[in-house]
Amino acid sequence: MRFKKSSRSGPHTNCVEVAHTLSHLRDSKNPAGSSLSADAAALIRFAKTR
């Protein structure tokens, strides 16, 4: 699964990365660790409210 970090985060590793499917999130400090899965529509709604 491919993940992408926001270009706004710069070179820092304290970010959340989003999978290309928009249904998984992971901590950029630990890319080999587990990811959080959720409904893509729910994640989009969450992001729009922040």
PDB file of N, CA and C in Angstrom:
ATOM      1  N   MET A   1       0.848  -1.162   0.000  1.00  0.00           N
ATOM      2  CA  MET A   1       0.000   0.000   0.000  1.00  0.00           C
ATOM      3  C   MET A   1       0.903   1.237   0.000  1.00  0.00           C
ATOM      4  N   ARG A   2       0.575   2.199  -0.829  1.00  0.00           N
ATOM      5  CA  ARG A   2       1.352   3.439  -0.901  1.00  0.00           C
ATOM      6  C   ARG A   2       0.732   4.488   0.018  1.00  0.00           C
ATOM      7  N   PHE A   3       1.590   5.205   0.728  1.00  0.00           N
ATOM      8  CA  PHE A   3       1.160   6.290   1.601  1.00  0.00           C
ATOM      9  C   PHE A   3       1.778   7.591   1.124  1.00  0.00           C
ATOM     10  N   LYS A   4       1.109   8.692   1.420  1.00  0.00           N
ATOM     11  CA  LYS A   4       1.602  10.005   1.024  1.00  0.00           C
ATOM     12  C   LYS A   4       1.507  10.950   2.214  1.00  0.00           C
ATOM     13  N   LYS A   5       2.573  11.720   2.384  1.00  0.00           N
ATOM     14  CA  LYS A   5       2.615  12.738   3.425  1.00  0.00           C
ATOM     15  C   LYS A   5       2.343  14.085   2.775  1.00  0.00           C
ATOM     16  N   SER A   6       1.673  14.957   3.458  1.00  0.00           N
ATOM     17  CA  SER A   6       1.364  16.277   2.917  1.00  0.00           C
ATOM     18  C   SER A   6       2.640  17.036   2.572  1.00  0.00           C
ATOM     19  N   SER A   7       2.630  17.721   1.451  1.00  0.00           N
ATOM     20  CA  SER A   7       3.785  18.544   1.073  1.00  0.00           C
ATOM     21  C   SER A   7       3.937  19.726   2.024  1.00  0.00           C
ATOM     22  N   ARG A   8       2.908  20.072   2.748  1.00  0.00           N
ATOM     23  CA  ARG A   8       2.965  21.171   3.712  1.00  0.00           C
ATOM     24  C   ARG A   8       3.743  20.790   4.964  1.00  0.00           C
ATOM     25  N   SER A   9       3.982  19.506   5.180  1.00  0.00           N
ATOM     26  CA  SER A   9       4.679  19.070   6.384  1.00  0.00           C
ATOM     27  C   SER A   9       6.186  19.266   6.285  1.00  0.00           C
ATOM     28  N   GLY A  10       6.704  19.506   5.105  1.00  0.00           N
ATOM     29  CA  GLY A  10       8.141  19.726   4.933  1.00  0.00           C
ATOM     30  C   GLY A  10       8.944  18.483   5.260  1.00  0.00           C
ATOM     31  N   PRO A  11      10.165  18.669   5.751  1.00  0.00           N
ATOM     32  CA  PRO A  11      11.041  17.517   6.009  1.00  0.00           C
ATOM     33  C   PRO A  11      10.769  16.822   7.341  1.00  0.00           C
ATOM     34  N   HIS A  12       9.818  17.314   8.094  1.00  0.00           N
ATOM     35  CA  HIS A  12       9.553  16.769   9.423  1.00  0.00           C
ATOM     36  C   HIS A  12       8.885  15.399   9.341  1.00  0.00           C
ATOM     37  N   THR A  13       9.056  14.624  10.412  1.00  0.00           N
ATOM     38  CA  THR A  13       8.467  13.283  10.434  1.00  0.00           C
ATOM     39  C   THR A  13       7.315  13.160  11.416  1.00  0.00           C
ATOM     40  N   ASN A  14       6.864  14.259  11.957  1.00  0.00           N
ATOM     41  CA  ASN A  14       5.764  14.202  12.932  1.00  0.00           C
ATOM     42  C   ASN A  14       4.441  14.488  12.231  1.00  0.00           C
ATOM     43  N   CYS A  15       4.120  13.642  11.275  1.00  0.00           N
ATOM     44  CA  CYS A  15       2.949  13.869  10.433  1.00  0.00           C
ATOM     45  C   CYS A  15       2.120  12.594  10.315  1.00  0.00           C
ATOM     46  N   VAL A  16       0.937  12.778   9.824  1.00  0.00           N
ATOM     47  CA  VAL A  16       0.074  11.657   9.485  1.00  0.00           C
ATOM     48  C   VAL A  16       0.156  11.455   7.979  1.00  0.00           C
ATOM     49  N   GLU A  17       0.300  10.218   7.566  1.00  0.00           N
ATOM     50  CA  GLU A  17       0.320   9.890   6.142  1.00  0.00           C
ATOM     51  C   GLU A  17      -0.993   9.208   5.778  1.00  0.00           C
ATOM     52  N   VAL A  18      -1.448   9.450   4.568  1.00  0.00           N
ATOM     53  CA  VAL A  18      -2.708   8.885   4.083  1.00  0.00           C
ATOM     54  C   VAL A  18      -2.405   7.916   2.951  1.00  0.00           C
ATOM     55  N   ALA A  19      -3.048   6.762   2.973  1.00  0.00           N
ATOM     56  CA  ALA A  19      -2.875   5.784   1.899  1.00  0.00           C
ATOM     57  C   ALA A  19      -3.553   6.277   0.633  1.00  0.00           C
ATOM     58  N   HIS A  20      -3.069   5.806  -0.497  1.00  0.00           N
ATOM     59  CA  HIS A  20      -3.640   6.225  -1.782  1.00  0.00           C
ATOM     60  C   HIS A  20      -5.109   5.830  -1.913  1.00  0.00           C
ATOM     61  N   THR A  21      -5.557   4.883  -1.115  1.00  0.00           N
ATOM     62  CA  THR A  21      -6.963   4.467  -1.143  1.00  0.00           C
ATOM     63  C   THR A  21      -7.849   5.365  -0.281  1.00  0.00           C
ATOM     64  N   LEU A  22      -7.224   6.275   0.470  1.00  0.00           N
ATOM     65  CA  LEU A  22      -7.906   7.177   1.406  1.00  0.00           C
ATOM     66  C   LEU A  22      -8.602   6.440   2.536  1.00  0.00           C
ATOM     67  N   SER A  23      -8.261   5.194   2.770  1.00  0.00           N
ATOM     68  CA  SER A  23      -8.929   4.444   3.833  1.00  0.00           C
ATOM     69  C   SER A  23      -7.978   4.010   4.947  1.00  0.00           C
ATOM     70  N   HIS A  24      -6.714   4.425   4.879  1.00  0.00           N
ATOM     71  CA  HIS A  24      -5.742   4.081   5.917  1.00  0.00           C
ATOM     72  C   HIS A  24      -4.893   5.297   6.261  1.00  0.00           C
ATOM     73  N   LEU A  25      -4.580   5.426   7.556  1.00  0.00           N
ATOM     74  CA  LEU A  25      -3.699   6.469   8.058  1.00  0.00           C
ATOM     75  C   LEU A  25      -2.579   5.810   8.831  1.00  0.00           C
ATOM     76  N   ARG A  26      -1.405   6.451   8.842  1.00  0.00           N
ATOM     77  CA  ARG A  26      -0.316   5.957   9.682  1.00  0.00           C
ATOM     78  C   ARG A  26       0.536   7.133  10.140  1.00  0.00           C
ATOM     79  N   ASP A  27       1.331   6.881  11.152  1.00  0.00           N
ATOM     80  CA  ASP A  27       2.238   7.873  11.710  1.00  0.00           C
ATOM     81  C   ASP A  27       3.525   7.864  10.897  1.00  0.00           C
ATOM     82  N   SER A  28       3.939   9.019  10.403  1.00  0.00           N
ATOM     83  CA  SER A  28       5.140   9.069   9.566  1.00  0.00           C
ATOM     84  C   SER A  28       6.407   8.770  10.360  1.00  0.00           C
ATOM     85  N   LYS A  29       6.369   8.852  11.695  1.00  0.00           N
ATOM     86  CA  LYS A  29       7.534   8.504  12.506  1.00  0.00           C
ATOM     87  C   LYS A  29       7.781   6.999  12.518  1.00  0.00           C
ATOM     88  N   ASN A  30       6.752   6.221  12.209  1.00  0.00           N
ATOM     89  CA  ASN A  30       6.862   4.765  12.263  1.00  0.00           C
ATOM     90  C   ASN A  30       6.174   4.148  11.046  1.00  0.00           C
ATOM     91  N   PRO A  31       6.746   4.323   9.853  1.00  0.00           N
ATOM     92  CA  PRO A  31       6.087   3.814   8.651  1.00  0.00           C
ATOM     93  C   PRO A  31       5.956   2.293   8.606  1.00  0.00           C
ATOM     94  N   ALA A  32       6.783   1.582   9.360  1.00  0.00           N
ATOM     95  CA  ALA A  32       6.684   0.124   9.382  1.00  0.00           C
ATOM     96  C   ALA A  32       5.644  -0.357  10.391  1.00  0.00           C
ATOM     97  N   GLY A  33       5.108   0.567  11.175  1.00  0.00           N
ATOM     98  CA  GLY A  33       4.125   0.209  12.189  1.00  0.00           C
ATOM     99  C   GLY A  33       2.743  -0.002  11.603  1.00  0.00           C
ATOM    100  N   SER A  34       1.806  -0.145  12.478  1.00  0.00           N
ATOM    101  CA  SER A  34       0.431  -0.398  12.041  1.00  0.00           C
ATOM    102  C   SER A  34      -0.213   0.876  11.504  1.00  0.00           C
ATOM    103  N   SER A  35      -1.302   0.684  10.791  1.00  0.00           N
ATOM    104  CA  SER A  35      -2.060   1.823  10.274  1.00  0.00           C
ATOM    105  C   SER A  35      -3.489   1.734  10.787  1.00  0.00           C
ATOM    106  N   LEU A  36      -4.149   2.853  10.783  1.00  0.00           N
ATOM    107  CA  LEU A  36      -5.538   2.939  11.199  1.00  0.00           C
ATOM    108  C   LEU A  36      -6.394   2.897   9.951  1.00  0.00           C
ATOM    109  N   SER A  37      -7.366   2.021   9.932  1.00  0.00           N
ATOM    110  CA  SER A  37      -8.248   1.963   8.766  1.00  0.00           C
ATOM    111  C   SER A  37      -9.618   2.507   9.147  1.00  0.00           C
ATOM    112  N   ALA A  38     -10.223   3.170   8.194  1.00  0.00           N
ATOM    113  CA  ALA A  38     -11.548   3.750   8.393  1.00  0.00           C
ATOM    114  C   ALA A  38     -12.198   3.932   7.035  1.00  0.00           C
ATOM    115  N   ASP A  39     -13.470   4.173   7.056  1.00  0.00           N
ATOM    116  CA  ASP A  39     -14.210   4.452   5.837  1.00  0.00           C
ATOM    117  C   ASP A  39     -13.661   5.732   5.205  1.00  0.00           C
ATOM    118  N   ALA A  40     -13.351   5.696   3.916  1.00  0.00           N
ATOM    119  CA  ALA A  40     -12.764   6.851   3.233  1.00  0.00           C
ATOM    120  C   ALA A  40     -13.652   8.080   3.350  1.00  0.00           C
ATOM    121  N   ALA A  41     -14.940   7.928   3.204  1.00  0.00           N
ATOM    122  CA  ALA A  41     -15.853   9.074   3.309  1.00  0.00           C
ATOM    123  C   ALA A  41     -15.802   9.688   4.705  1.00  0.00           C
ATOM    124  N   ALA A  42     -15.690   8.858   5.728  1.00  0.00           N
ATOM    125  CA  ALA A  42     -15.609   9.365   7.099  1.00  0.00           C
ATOM    126  C   ALA A  42     -14.309  10.124   7.317  1.00  0.00           C
ATOM    127  N   LEU A  43     -13.206   9.624   6.772  1.00  0.00           N
ATOM    128  CA  LEU A  43     -11.932  10.330   6.906  1.00  0.00           C
ATOM    129  C   LEU A  43     -11.961  11.674   6.189  1.00  0.00           C
ATOM    130  N   ILE A  44     -12.593  11.728   5.042  1.00  0.00           N
ATOM    131  CA  ILE A  44     -12.702  12.994   4.303  1.00  0.00           C
ATOM    132  C   ILE A  44     -13.542  13.987   5.096  1.00  0.00           C
ATOM    133  N   ARG A  45     -14.658  13.537   5.656  1.00  0.00           N
ATOM    134  CA  ARG A  45     -15.488  14.426   6.481  1.00  0.00           C
ATOM    135  C   ARG A  45     -14.699  14.940   7.681  1.00  0.00           C
ATOM    136  N   PHE A  46     -13.945  14.052   8.317  1.00  0.00           N
ATOM    137  CA  PHE A  46     -13.127  14.437   9.466  1.00  0.00           C
ATOM    138  C   PHE A  46     -12.108  15.498   9.064  1.00  0.00           C
ATOM    139  N   ALA A  47     -11.410  15.288   7.961  1.00  0.00           N
ATOM    140  CA  ALA A  47     -10.387  16.237   7.514  1.00  0.00           C
ATOM    141  C   ALA A  47     -10.985  17.601   7.186  1.00  0.00           C
ATOM    142  N   LYS A  48     -12.160  17.618   6.639  1.00  0.00           N
ATOM    143  CA  LYS A  48     -12.794  18.892   6.269  1.00  0.00           C
ATOM    144  C   LYS A  48     -13.228  19.698   7.485  1.00  0.00           C
ATOM    145  N   THR A  49     -13.407  19.048   8.624  1.00  0.00           N
ATOM    146  CA  THR A  49     -13.835  19.766   9.825  1.00  0.00           C
ATOM    147  C   THR A  49     -12.660  20.262  10.652  1.00  0.00           C
ATOM    148  N   ARG A  50     -11.449  19.960  10.254  1.00  0.00           N
ATOM    149  CA  ARG A  50     -10.265  20.359  11.024  1.00  0.00           C
ATOM    150  C   ARG A  50      -9.604  21.550  10.453  1.00  0.00           C
TER     151      ARG A  50
END
